[in-house]
Amino acid sequence: GYDSYYNKYINVRKGGIGGISMVLFGYV
């Protein structure tokens, strides 16, 4: 699950704030 999330939202060519914001929102 972590690898899938990382490859889909974090490890991308043109990344944005979307992947990190999902993790922070889940933590909150």
mmCIF file of all heavy atoms, coordinates in Angstrom:
data_MODEL
# 
_entry.id   MODEL 
# 
loop_
_atom_site.group_PDB 
_atom_site.id 
_atom_site.type_symbol 
_atom_site.label_atom_id 
_atom_site.label_alt_id 
_atom_site.label_comp_id 
_atom_site.label_asym_id 
_atom_site.label_entity_id 
_atom_site.label_seq_id 
_atom_site.pdbx_PDB_ins_code 
_atom_site.Cartn_x 
_atom_site.Cartn_y 
_atom_site.Cartn_z 
_atom_site.occupancy 
_atom_site.B_iso_or_equiv 
_atom_site.pdbx_formal_charge 
_atom_site.auth_seq_id 
_atom_site.auth_comp_id 
_atom_site.auth_asym_id 
_atom_site.auth_atom_id 
_atom_site.pdbx_PDB_model_num 
ATOM 1   N N   . GLY A 1 1  ? 0.816   -1.207 0.000   1.00 0.00 ? 1  GLY A N   1 
ATOM 2   C CA  . GLY A 1 1  ? 0.000   0.000  0.000   1.00 0.00 ? 1  GLY A CA  1 
ATOM 3   C C   . GLY A 1 1  ? 0.850   1.257  0.000   1.00 0.00 ? 1  GLY A C   1 
ATOM 4   O O   . GLY A 1 1  ? 0.558   2.213  -0.728  1.00 0.00 ? 1  GLY A O   1 
ATOM 5   N N   . TYR A 1 2  ? 1.908   1.257  0.801   1.00 0.00 ? 2  TYR A N   1 
ATOM 6   C CA  . TYR A 1 2  ? 2.810   2.411  0.841   1.00 0.00 ? 2  TYR A CA  1 
ATOM 7   C C   . TYR A 1 2  ? 3.489   2.603  -0.511  1.00 0.00 ? 2  TYR A C   1 
ATOM 8   O O   . TYR A 1 2  ? 3.579   3.729  -1.014  1.00 0.00 ? 2  TYR A O   1 
ATOM 9   C CB  . TYR A 1 2  ? 3.856   2.233  1.940   1.00 0.00 ? 2  TYR A CB  1 
ATOM 10  C CG  . TYR A 1 2  ? 4.948   3.278  1.873   1.00 0.00 ? 2  TYR A CG  1 
ATOM 11  C CD1 . TYR A 1 2  ? 4.713   4.566  2.335   1.00 0.00 ? 2  TYR A CD1 1 
ATOM 12  C CD2 . TYR A 1 2  ? 6.185   2.982  1.323   1.00 0.00 ? 2  TYR A CD2 1 
ATOM 13  C CE1 . TYR A 1 2  ? 5.694   5.533  2.262   1.00 0.00 ? 2  TYR A CE1 1 
ATOM 14  C CE2 . TYR A 1 2  ? 7.175   3.946  1.239   1.00 0.00 ? 2  TYR A CE2 1 
ATOM 15  C CZ  . TYR A 1 2  ? 6.929   5.216  1.710   1.00 0.00 ? 2  TYR A CZ  1 
ATOM 16  O OH  . TYR A 1 2  ? 7.909   6.170  1.620   1.00 0.00 ? 2  TYR A OH  1 
ATOM 17  N N   . ASP A 1 3  ? 3.985   1.519  -1.100  1.00 0.00 ? 3  ASP A N   1 
ATOM 18  C CA  . ASP A 1 3  ? 4.646   1.621  -2.401  1.00 0.00 ? 3  ASP A CA  1 
ATOM 19  C C   . ASP A 1 3  ? 3.689   2.128  -3.468  1.00 0.00 ? 3  ASP A C   1 
ATOM 20  O O   . ASP A 1 3  ? 4.061   2.956  -4.311  1.00 0.00 ? 3  ASP A O   1 
ATOM 21  C CB  . ASP A 1 3  ? 5.222   0.265  -2.819  1.00 0.00 ? 3  ASP A CB  1 
ATOM 22  C CG  . ASP A 1 3  ? 6.433   -0.128 -2.004  1.00 0.00 ? 3  ASP A CG  1 
ATOM 23  O OD1 . ASP A 1 3  ? 7.047   0.758  -1.373  1.00 0.00 ? 3  ASP A OD1 1 
ATOM 24  O OD2 . ASP A 1 3  ? 6.771   -1.330 -1.995  1.00 0.00 ? 3  ASP A OD2 1 
ATOM 25  N N   . SER A 1 4  ? 2.456   1.648  -3.440  1.00 0.00 ? 4  SER A N   1 
ATOM 26  C CA  . SER A 1 4  ? 1.463   2.099  -4.408  1.00 0.00 ? 4  SER A CA  1 
ATOM 27  C C   . SER A 1 4  ? 1.181   3.588  -4.241  1.00 0.00 ? 4  SER A C   1 
ATOM 28  O O   . SER A 1 4  ? 1.135   4.341  -5.224  1.00 0.00 ? 4  SER A O   1 
ATOM 29  C CB  . SER A 1 4  ? 0.186   1.288  -4.239  1.00 0.00 ? 4  SER A CB  1 
ATOM 30  O OG  . SER A 1 4  ? -0.839  1.808  -5.026  1.00 0.00 ? 4  SER A OG  1 
ATOM 31  N N   . TYR A 1 5  ? 0.977   4.037  -3.004  1.00 0.00 ? 5  TYR A N   1 
ATOM 32  C CA  . TYR A 1 5  ? 0.727   5.456  -2.723  1.00 0.00 ? 5  TYR A CA  1 
ATOM 33  C C   . TYR A 1 5  ? 1.922   6.303  -3.142  1.00 0.00 ? 5  TYR A C   1 
ATOM 34  O O   . TYR A 1 5  ? 1.775   7.344  -3.785  1.00 0.00 ? 5  TYR A O   1 
ATOM 35  C CB  . TYR A 1 5  ? 0.427   5.650  -1.239  1.00 0.00 ? 5  TYR A CB  1 
ATOM 36  C CG  . TYR A 1 5  ? 0.247   7.091  -0.858  1.00 0.00 ? 5  TYR A CG  1 
ATOM 37  C CD1 . TYR A 1 5  ? -0.972  7.721  -1.046  1.00 0.00 ? 5  TYR A CD1 1 
ATOM 38  C CD2 . TYR A 1 5  ? 1.300   7.830  -0.333  1.00 0.00 ? 5  TYR A CD2 1 
ATOM 39  C CE1 . TYR A 1 5  ? -1.141  9.055  -0.707  1.00 0.00 ? 5  TYR A CE1 1 
ATOM 40  C CE2 . TYR A 1 5  ? 1.140   9.160  0.000   1.00 0.00 ? 5  TYR A CE2 1 
ATOM 41  C CZ  . TYR A 1 5  ? -0.083  9.760  -0.191  1.00 0.00 ? 5  TYR A CZ  1 
ATOM 42  O OH  . TYR A 1 5  ? -0.246  11.067 0.132   1.00 0.00 ? 5  TYR A OH  1 
ATOM 43  N N   . TYR A 1 6  ? 3.111   5.863  -2.791  1.00 0.00 ? 6  TYR A N   1 
ATOM 44  C CA  . TYR A 1 6  ? 4.320   6.618  -3.092  1.00 0.00 ? 6  TYR A CA  1 
ATOM 45  C C   . TYR A 1 6  ? 4.508   6.772  -4.596  1.00 0.00 ? 6  TYR A C   1 
ATOM 46  O O   . TYR A 1 6  ? 4.813   7.858  -5.093  1.00 0.00 ? 6  TYR A O   1 
ATOM 47  C CB  . TYR A 1 6  ? 5.532   5.930  -2.462  1.00 0.00 ? 6  TYR A CB  1 
ATOM 48  C CG  . TYR A 1 6  ? 6.824   6.675  -2.683  1.00 0.00 ? 6  TYR A CG  1 
ATOM 49  C CD1 . TYR A 1 6  ? 7.147   7.772  -1.899  1.00 0.00 ? 6  TYR A CD1 1 
ATOM 50  C CD2 . TYR A 1 6  ? 7.715   6.287  -3.674  1.00 0.00 ? 6  TYR A CD2 1 
ATOM 51  C CE1 . TYR A 1 6  ? 8.325   8.466  -2.098  1.00 0.00 ? 6  TYR A CE1 1 
ATOM 52  C CE2 . TYR A 1 6  ? 8.888   6.974  -3.888  1.00 0.00 ? 6  TYR A CE2 1 
ATOM 53  C CZ  . TYR A 1 6  ? 9.187   8.066  -3.094  1.00 0.00 ? 6  TYR A CZ  1 
ATOM 54  O OH  . TYR A 1 6  ? 10.345  8.760  -3.301  1.00 0.00 ? 6  TYR A OH  1 
ATOM 55  N N   . ASN A 1 7  ? 4.321   5.681  -5.336  1.00 0.00 ? 7  ASN A N   1 
ATOM 56  C CA  . ASN A 1 7  ? 4.511   5.752  -6.781  1.00 0.00 ? 7  ASN A CA  1 
ATOM 57  C C   . ASN A 1 7  ? 3.414   6.539  -7.478  1.00 0.00 ? 7  ASN A C   1 
ATOM 58  O O   . ASN A 1 7  ? 3.655   7.125  -8.536  1.00 0.00 ? 7  ASN A O   1 
ATOM 59  C CB  . ASN A 1 7  ? 4.599   4.351  -7.370  1.00 0.00 ? 7  ASN A CB  1 
ATOM 60  C CG  . ASN A 1 7  ? 5.903   3.673  -7.004  1.00 0.00 ? 7  ASN A CG  1 
ATOM 61  O OD1 . ASN A 1 7  ? 6.930   4.317  -6.864  1.00 0.00 ? 7  ASN A OD1 1 
ATOM 62  N ND2 . ASN A 1 7  ? 5.856   2.370  -6.821  1.00 0.00 ? 7  ASN A ND2 1 
ATOM 63  N N   . LYS A 1 8  ? 2.223   6.595  -6.915  1.00 0.00 ? 8  LYS A N   1 
ATOM 64  C CA  . LYS A 1 8  ? 1.126   7.298  -7.561  1.00 0.00 ? 8  LYS A CA  1 
ATOM 65  C C   . LYS A 1 8  ? 1.128   8.796  -7.254  1.00 0.00 ? 8  LYS A C   1 
ATOM 66  O O   . LYS A 1 8  ? 0.796   9.607  -8.126  1.00 0.00 ? 8  LYS A O   1 
ATOM 67  C CB  . LYS A 1 8  ? -0.205  6.691  -7.129  1.00 0.00 ? 8  LYS A CB  1 
ATOM 68  C CG  . LYS A 1 8  ? -1.387  7.260  -7.870  1.00 0.00 ? 8  LYS A CG  1 
ATOM 69  C CD  . LYS A 1 8  ? -2.658  6.501  -7.562  1.00 0.00 ? 8  LYS A CD  1 
ATOM 70  C CE  . LYS A 1 8  ? -3.809  7.054  -8.373  1.00 0.00 ? 8  LYS A CE  1 
ATOM 71  N NZ  . LYS A 1 8  ? -5.043  6.315  -8.109  1.00 0.00 ? 8  LYS A NZ  1 
ATOM 72  N N   . TYR A 1 9  ? 1.481   9.191  -6.031  1.00 0.00 ? 9  TYR A N   1 
ATOM 73  C CA  . TYR A 1 9  ? 1.338   10.584 -5.629  1.00 0.00 ? 9  TYR A CA  1 
ATOM 74  C C   . TYR A 1 9  ? 2.646   11.307 -5.324  1.00 0.00 ? 9  TYR A C   1 
ATOM 75  O O   . TYR A 1 9  ? 2.703   12.525 -5.420  1.00 0.00 ? 9  TYR A O   1 
ATOM 76  C CB  . TYR A 1 9  ? 0.433   10.691 -4.397  1.00 0.00 ? 9  TYR A CB  1 
ATOM 77  C CG  . TYR A 1 9  ? -0.976  10.254 -4.671  1.00 0.00 ? 9  TYR A CG  1 
ATOM 78  C CD1 . TYR A 1 9  ? -1.466  9.071  -4.149  1.00 0.00 ? 9  TYR A CD1 1 
ATOM 79  C CD2 . TYR A 1 9  ? -1.815  11.024 -5.461  1.00 0.00 ? 9  TYR A CD2 1 
ATOM 80  C CE1 . TYR A 1 9  ? -2.762  8.669  -4.406  1.00 0.00 ? 9  TYR A CE1 1 
ATOM 81  C CE2 . TYR A 1 9  ? -3.109  10.625 -5.729  1.00 0.00 ? 9  TYR A CE2 1 
ATOM 82  C CZ  . TYR A 1 9  ? -3.571  9.455  -5.193  1.00 0.00 ? 9  TYR A CZ  1 
ATOM 83  O OH  . TYR A 1 9  ? -4.843  9.063  -5.452  1.00 0.00 ? 9  TYR A OH  1 
ATOM 84  N N   . ILE A 1 10 ? 3.684   10.617 -4.919  1.00 0.00 ? 10 ILE A N   1 
ATOM 85  C CA  . ILE A 1 10 ? 4.908   11.279 -4.490  1.00 0.00 ? 10 ILE A CA  1 
ATOM 86  C C   . ILE A 1 10 ? 5.997   11.183 -5.556  1.00 0.00 ? 10 ILE A C   1 
ATOM 87  O O   . ILE A 1 10 ? 6.605   12.181 -5.926  1.00 0.00 ? 10 ILE A O   1 
ATOM 88  C CB  . ILE A 1 10 ? 5.421   10.676 -3.158  1.00 0.00 ? 10 ILE A CB  1 
ATOM 89  C CG1 . ILE A 1 10 ? 4.319   10.669 -2.106  1.00 0.00 ? 10 ILE A CG1 1 
ATOM 90  C CG2 . ILE A 1 10 ? 6.657   11.401 -2.671  1.00 0.00 ? 10 ILE A CG2 1 
ATOM 91  C CD1 . ILE A 1 10 ? 3.814   12.024 -1.694  1.00 0.00 ? 10 ILE A CD1 1 
ATOM 92  N N   . ASN A 1 11 ? 6.243   10.006 -6.061  1.00 0.00 ? 11 ASN A N   1 
ATOM 93  C CA  . ASN A 1 11 ? 7.330   9.763  -6.994  1.00 0.00 ? 11 ASN A CA  1 
ATOM 94  C C   . ASN A 1 11 ? 6.849   9.986  -8.432  1.00 0.00 ? 11 ASN A C   1 
ATOM 95  O O   . ASN A 1 11 ? 6.803   9.074  -9.235  1.00 0.00 ? 11 ASN A O   1 
ATOM 96  C CB  . ASN A 1 11 ? 7.847   8.334  -6.814  1.00 0.00 ? 11 ASN A CB  1 
ATOM 97  C CG  . ASN A 1 11 ? 9.128   8.099  -7.570  1.00 0.00 ? 11 ASN A CG  1 
ATOM 98  O OD1 . ASN A 1 11 ? 9.845   9.026  -7.898  1.00 0.00 ? 11 ASN A OD1 1 
ATOM 99  N ND2 . ASN A 1 11 ? 9.398   6.847  -7.849  1.00 0.00 ? 11 ASN A ND2 1 
ATOM 100 N N   . VAL A 1 12 ? 6.510   11.227 -8.749  1.00 0.00 ? 12 VAL A N   1 
ATOM 101 C CA  . VAL A 1 12 ? 6.016   11.560 -10.082 1.00 0.00 ? 12 VAL A CA  1 
ATOM 102 C C   . VAL A 1 12 ? 6.905   12.649 -10.671 1.00 0.00 ? 12 VAL A C   1 
ATOM 103 O O   . VAL A 1 12 ? 7.623   13.346 -9.964  1.00 0.00 ? 12 VAL A O   1 
ATOM 104 C CB  . VAL A 1 12 ? 4.544   12.024 -10.049 1.00 0.00 ? 12 VAL A CB  1 
ATOM 105 C CG1 . VAL A 1 12 ? 3.632   10.891 -9.681  1.00 0.00 ? 12 VAL A CG1 1 
ATOM 106 C CG2 . VAL A 1 12 ? 4.359   13.178 -9.104  1.00 0.00 ? 12 VAL A CG2 1 
ATOM 107 N N   . ARG A 1 13 ? 6.836   12.802 -11.980 1.00 0.00 ? 13 ARG A N   1 
ATOM 108 C CA  . ARG A 1 13 ? 7.694   13.779 -12.650 1.00 0.00 ? 13 ARG A CA  1 
ATOM 109 C C   . ARG A 1 13 ? 7.308   15.210 -12.282 1.00 0.00 ? 13 ARG A C   1 
ATOM 110 O O   . ARG A 1 13 ? 8.144   16.030 -11.945 1.00 0.00 ? 13 ARG A O   1 
ATOM 111 C CB  . ARG A 1 13 ? 7.604   13.580 -14.155 1.00 0.00 ? 13 ARG A CB  1 
ATOM 112 C CG  . ARG A 1 13 ? 8.634   14.372 -14.904 1.00 0.00 ? 13 ARG A CG  1 
ATOM 113 C CD  . ARG A 1 13 ? 8.693   13.946 -16.319 1.00 0.00 ? 13 ARG A CD  1 
ATOM 114 N NE  . ARG A 1 13 ? 9.155   12.554 -16.349 1.00 0.00 ? 13 ARG A NE  1 
ATOM 115 C CZ  . ARG A 1 13 ? 9.587   11.941 -17.418 1.00 0.00 ? 13 ARG A CZ  1 
ATOM 116 N NH1 . ARG A 1 13 ? 9.584   12.560 -18.563 1.00 0.00 ? 13 ARG A NH1 1 
ATOM 117 N NH2 . ARG A 1 13 ? 9.994   10.698 -17.370 1.00 0.00 ? 13 ARG A NH2 1 
ATOM 118 N N   . LYS A 1 14 ? 6.026   15.523 -12.384 1.00 0.00 ? 14 LYS A N   1 
ATOM 119 C CA  . LYS A 1 14 ? 5.552   16.863 -12.024 1.00 0.00 ? 14 LYS A CA  1 
ATOM 120 C C   . LYS A 1 14 ? 4.646   16.739 -10.808 1.00 0.00 ? 14 LYS A C   1 
ATOM 121 O O   . LYS A 1 14 ? 3.432   16.708 -10.934 1.00 0.00 ? 14 LYS A O   1 
ATOM 122 C CB  . LYS A 1 14 ? 4.783   17.487 -13.178 1.00 0.00 ? 14 LYS A CB  1 
ATOM 123 C CG  . LYS A 1 14 ? 5.642   17.931 -14.321 1.00 0.00 ? 14 LYS A CG  1 
ATOM 124 C CD  . LYS A 1 14 ? 4.810   18.689 -15.324 1.00 0.00 ? 14 LYS A CD  1 
ATOM 125 C CE  . LYS A 1 14 ? 5.688   19.279 -16.386 1.00 0.00 ? 14 LYS A CE  1 
ATOM 126 N NZ  . LYS A 1 14 ? 4.917   20.078 -17.340 1.00 0.00 ? 14 LYS A NZ  1 
ATOM 127 N N   . GLY A 1 15 ? 5.243   16.659 -9.660  1.00 0.00 ? 15 GLY A N   1 
ATOM 128 C CA  . GLY A 1 15 ? 4.474   16.479 -8.439  1.00 0.00 ? 15 GLY A CA  1 
ATOM 129 C C   . GLY A 1 15 ? 3.907   17.788 -7.926  1.00 0.00 ? 15 GLY A C   1 
ATOM 130 O O   . GLY A 1 15 ? 4.390   18.863 -8.247  1.00 0.00 ? 15 GLY A O   1 
ATOM 131 N N   . GLY A 1 16 ? 2.893   17.654 -7.139  1.00 0.00 ? 16 GLY A N   1 
ATOM 132 C CA  . GLY A 1 16 ? 2.274   18.821 -6.528  1.00 0.00 ? 16 GLY A CA  1 
ATOM 133 C C   . GLY A 1 16 ? 2.122   18.601 -5.038  1.00 0.00 ? 16 GLY A C   1 
ATOM 134 O O   . GLY A 1 16 ? 2.755   17.742 -4.436  1.00 0.00 ? 16 GLY A O   1 
ATOM 135 N N   . ILE A 1 17 ? 1.246   19.369 -4.455  1.00 0.00 ? 17 ILE A N   1 
ATOM 136 C CA  . ILE A 1 17 ? 1.030   19.294 -3.016  1.00 0.00 ? 17 ILE A CA  1 
ATOM 137 C C   . ILE A 1 17 ? -0.035  18.249 -2.666  1.00 0.00 ? 17 ILE A C   1 
ATOM 138 O O   . ILE A 1 17 ? -0.274  17.958 -1.508  1.00 0.00 ? 17 ILE A O   1 
ATOM 139 C CB  . ILE A 1 17 ? 0.658   20.684 -2.475  1.00 0.00 ? 17 ILE A CB  1 
ATOM 140 C CG1 . ILE A 1 17 ? 0.782   20.721 -0.967  1.00 0.00 ? 17 ILE A CG1 1 
ATOM 141 C CG2 . ILE A 1 17 ? -0.728  21.081 -2.926  1.00 0.00 ? 17 ILE A CG2 1 
ATOM 142 C CD1 . ILE A 1 17 ? 0.827   22.096 -0.401  1.00 0.00 ? 17 ILE A CD1 1 
ATOM 143 N N   . GLY A 1 18 ? -0.677  17.655 -3.665  1.00 0.00 ? 18 GLY A N   1 
ATOM 144 C CA  . GLY A 1 18 ? -1.785  16.733 -3.433  1.00 0.00 ? 18 GLY A CA  1 
ATOM 145 C C   . GLY A 1 18 ? -1.447  15.535 -2.572  1.00 0.00 ? 18 GLY A C   1 
ATOM 146 O O   . GLY A 1 18 ? -2.179  15.191 -1.649  1.00 0.00 ? 18 GLY A O   1 
ATOM 147 N N   . GLY A 1 19 ? -0.334  14.853 -2.860  1.00 0.00 ? 19 GLY A N   1 
ATOM 148 C CA  . GLY A 1 19 ? 0.014   13.645 -2.105  1.00 0.00 ? 19 GLY A CA  1 
ATOM 149 C C   . GLY A 1 19 ? 0.319   13.921 -0.655  1.00 0.00 ? 19 GLY A C   1 
ATOM 150 O O   . GLY A 1 19 ? -0.148  13.219 0.244   1.00 0.00 ? 19 GLY A O   1 
ATOM 151 N N   . ILE A 1 20 ? 1.095   14.956 -0.408  1.00 0.00 ? 20 ILE A N   1 
ATOM 152 C CA  . ILE A 1 20 ? 1.454   15.303 0.972   1.00 0.00 ? 20 ILE A CA  1 
ATOM 153 C C   . ILE A 1 20 ? 0.232   15.810 1.730   1.00 0.00 ? 20 ILE A C   1 
ATOM 154 O O   . ILE A 1 20 ? 0.039   15.489 2.906   1.00 0.00 ? 20 ILE A O   1 
ATOM 155 C CB  . ILE A 1 20 ? 2.562   16.377 0.978   1.00 0.00 ? 20 ILE A CB  1 
ATOM 156 C CG1 . ILE A 1 20 ? 3.801   15.870 0.250   1.00 0.00 ? 20 ILE A CG1 1 
ATOM 157 C CG2 . ILE A 1 20 ? 2.898   16.808 2.387   1.00 0.00 ? 20 ILE A CG2 1 
ATOM 158 C CD1 . ILE A 1 20 ? 4.471   14.687 0.892   1.00 0.00 ? 20 ILE A CD1 1 
ATOM 159 N N   . SER A 1 21 ? -0.625  16.583 1.064   1.00 0.00 ? 21 SER A N   1 
ATOM 160 C CA  . SER A 1 21 ? -1.798  17.117 1.757   1.00 0.00 ? 21 SER A CA  1 
ATOM 161 C C   . SER A 1 21 ? -2.765  16.004 2.159   1.00 0.00 ? 21 SER A C   1 
ATOM 162 O O   . SER A 1 21 ? -3.425  16.104 3.191   1.00 0.00 ? 21 SER A O   1 
ATOM 163 C CB  . SER A 1 21 ? -2.505  18.159 0.897   1.00 0.00 ? 21 SER A CB  1 
ATOM 164 O OG  . SER A 1 21 ? -3.002  17.570 -0.283  1.00 0.00 ? 21 SER A OG  1 
ATOM 165 N N   . MET A 1 22 ? -2.853  14.930 1.377   1.00 0.00 ? 22 MET A N   1 
ATOM 166 C CA  . MET A 1 22 ? -3.709  13.803 1.765   1.00 0.00 ? 22 MET A CA  1 
ATOM 167 C C   . MET A 1 22 ? -3.199  13.148 3.038   1.00 0.00 ? 22 MET A C   1 
ATOM 168 O O   . MET A 1 22 ? -3.980  12.786 3.922   1.00 0.00 ? 22 MET A O   1 
ATOM 169 C CB  . MET A 1 22 ? -3.795  12.779 0.636   1.00 0.00 ? 22 MET A CB  1 
ATOM 170 C CG  . MET A 1 22 ? -4.748  13.157 -0.445  1.00 0.00 ? 22 MET A CG  1 
ATOM 171 S SD  . MET A 1 22 ? -5.060  11.818 -1.578  1.00 0.00 ? 22 MET A SD  1 
ATOM 172 C CE  . MET A 1 22 ? -3.634  11.902 -2.601  1.00 0.00 ? 22 MET A CE  1 
ATOM 173 N N   . VAL A 1 23 ? -1.889  12.984 3.147   1.00 0.00 ? 23 VAL A N   1 
ATOM 174 C CA  . VAL A 1 23 ? -1.309  12.381 4.352   1.00 0.00 ? 23 VAL A CA  1 
ATOM 175 C C   . VAL A 1 23 ? -1.553  13.282 5.559   1.00 0.00 ? 23 VAL A C   1 
ATOM 176 O O   . VAL A 1 23 ? -1.952  12.812 6.625   1.00 0.00 ? 23 VAL A O   1 
ATOM 177 C CB  . VAL A 1 23 ? 0.199   12.131 4.157   1.00 0.00 ? 23 VAL A CB  1 
ATOM 178 C CG1 . VAL A 1 23 ? 0.849   11.714 5.457   1.00 0.00 ? 23 VAL A CG1 1 
ATOM 179 C CG2 . VAL A 1 23 ? 0.430   11.082 3.097   1.00 0.00 ? 23 VAL A CG2 1 
ATOM 180 N N   . LEU A 1 24 ? -1.341  14.577 5.395   1.00 0.00 ? 24 LEU A N   1 
ATOM 181 C CA  . LEU A 1 24 ? -1.557  15.502 6.512   1.00 0.00 ? 24 LEU A CA  1 
ATOM 182 C C   . LEU A 1 24 ? -3.026  15.553 6.918   1.00 0.00 ? 24 LEU A C   1 
ATOM 183 O O   . LEU A 1 24 ? -3.343  15.583 8.113   1.00 0.00 ? 24 LEU A O   1 
ATOM 184 C CB  . LEU A 1 24 ? -1.060  16.897 6.146   1.00 0.00 ? 24 LEU A CB  1 
ATOM 185 C CG  . LEU A 1 24 ? 0.447   17.035 6.001   1.00 0.00 ? 24 LEU A CG  1 
ATOM 186 C CD1 . LEU A 1 24 ? 0.810   18.431 5.532   1.00 0.00 ? 24 LEU A CD1 1 
ATOM 187 C CD2 . LEU A 1 24 ? 1.145   16.702 7.291   1.00 0.00 ? 24 LEU A CD2 1 
ATOM 188 N N   . PHE A 1 25 ? -3.932  15.556 5.954   1.00 0.00 ? 25 PHE A N   1 
ATOM 189 C CA  . PHE A 1 25 ? -5.353  15.559 6.267   1.00 0.00 ? 25 PHE A CA  1 
ATOM 190 C C   . PHE A 1 25 ? -5.750  14.281 7.016   1.00 0.00 ? 25 PHE A C   1 
ATOM 191 O O   . PHE A 1 25 ? -6.492  14.335 7.999   1.00 0.00 ? 25 PHE A O   1 
ATOM 192 C CB  . PHE A 1 25 ? -6.181  15.694 4.993   1.00 0.00 ? 25 PHE A CB  1 
ATOM 193 C CG  . PHE A 1 25 ? -7.665  15.695 5.244   1.00 0.00 ? 25 PHE A CG  1 
ATOM 194 C CD1 . PHE A 1 25 ? -8.276  16.807 5.783   1.00 0.00 ? 25 PHE A CD1 1 
ATOM 195 C CD2 . PHE A 1 25 ? -8.430  14.572 4.966   1.00 0.00 ? 25 PHE A CD2 1 
ATOM 196 C CE1 . PHE A 1 25 ? -9.640  16.806 6.026   1.00 0.00 ? 25 PHE A CE1 1 
ATOM 197 C CE2 . PHE A 1 25 ? -9.786  14.560 5.206   1.00 0.00 ? 25 PHE A CE2 1 
ATOM 198 C CZ  . PHE A 1 25 ? -10.398 15.689 5.741   1.00 0.00 ? 25 PHE A CZ  1 
ATOM 199 N N   . GLY A 1 26 ? -5.240  13.145 6.580   1.00 0.00 ? 26 GLY A N   1 
ATOM 200 C CA  . GLY A 1 26 ? -5.513  11.892 7.280   1.00 0.00 ? 26 GLY A CA  1 
ATOM 201 C C   . GLY A 1 26 ? -4.990  11.906 8.702   1.00 0.00 ? 26 GLY A C   1 
ATOM 202 O O   . GLY A 1 26 ? -5.655  11.439 9.628   1.00 0.00 ? 26 GLY A O   1 
ATOM 203 N N   . TYR A 1 27 ? -3.800  12.473 8.890   1.00 0.00 ? 27 TYR A N   1 
ATOM 204 C CA  . TYR A 1 27 ? -3.229  12.574 10.236  1.00 0.00 ? 27 TYR A CA  1 
ATOM 205 C C   . TYR A 1 27 ? -4.093  13.454 11.131  1.00 0.00 ? 27 TYR A C   1 
ATOM 206 O O   . TYR A 1 27 ? -4.341  13.117 12.297  1.00 0.00 ? 27 TYR A O   1 
ATOM 207 C CB  . TYR A 1 27 ? -1.809  13.127 10.154  1.00 0.00 ? 27 TYR A CB  1 
ATOM 208 C CG  . TYR A 1 27 ? -1.231  13.460 11.502  1.00 0.00 ? 27 TYR A CG  1 
ATOM 209 C CD1 . TYR A 1 27 ? -0.808  12.449 12.354  1.00 0.00 ? 27 TYR A CD1 1 
ATOM 210 C CD2 . TYR A 1 27 ? -1.127  14.771 11.936  1.00 0.00 ? 27 TYR A CD2 1 
ATOM 211 C CE1 . TYR A 1 27 ? -0.288  12.740 13.605  1.00 0.00 ? 27 TYR A CE1 1 
ATOM 212 C CE2 . TYR A 1 27 ? -0.613  15.078 13.172  1.00 0.00 ? 27 TYR A CE2 1 
ATOM 213 C CZ  . TYR A 1 27 ? -0.200  14.055 14.004  1.00 0.00 ? 27 TYR A CZ  1 
ATOM 214 O OH  . TYR A 1 27 ? 0.304   14.350 15.239  1.00 0.00 ? 27 TYR A OH  1 
ATOM 215 N N   . VAL A 1 28 ? -4.571  14.579 10.608  1.00 0.00 ? 28 VAL A N   1 
ATOM 216 C CA  . VAL A 1 28 ? -5.408  15.484 11.397  1.00 0.00 ? 28 VAL A CA  1 
ATOM 217 C C   . VAL A 1 28 ? -6.712  14.799 11.796  1.00 0.00 ? 28 VAL A C   1 
ATOM 218 O O   . VAL A 1 28 ? -7.145  14.881 12.949  1.00 0.00 ? 28 VAL A O   1 
ATOM 219 C CB  . VAL A 1 28 ? -5.677  16.790 10.612  1.00 0.00 ? 28 VAL A CB  1 
ATOM 220 C CG1 . VAL A 1 28 ? -6.771  17.601 11.262  1.00 0.00 ? 28 VAL A CG1 1 
ATOM 221 C CG2 . VAL A 1 28 ? -4.403  17.598 10.503  1.00 0.00 ? 28 VAL A CG2 1 
# 
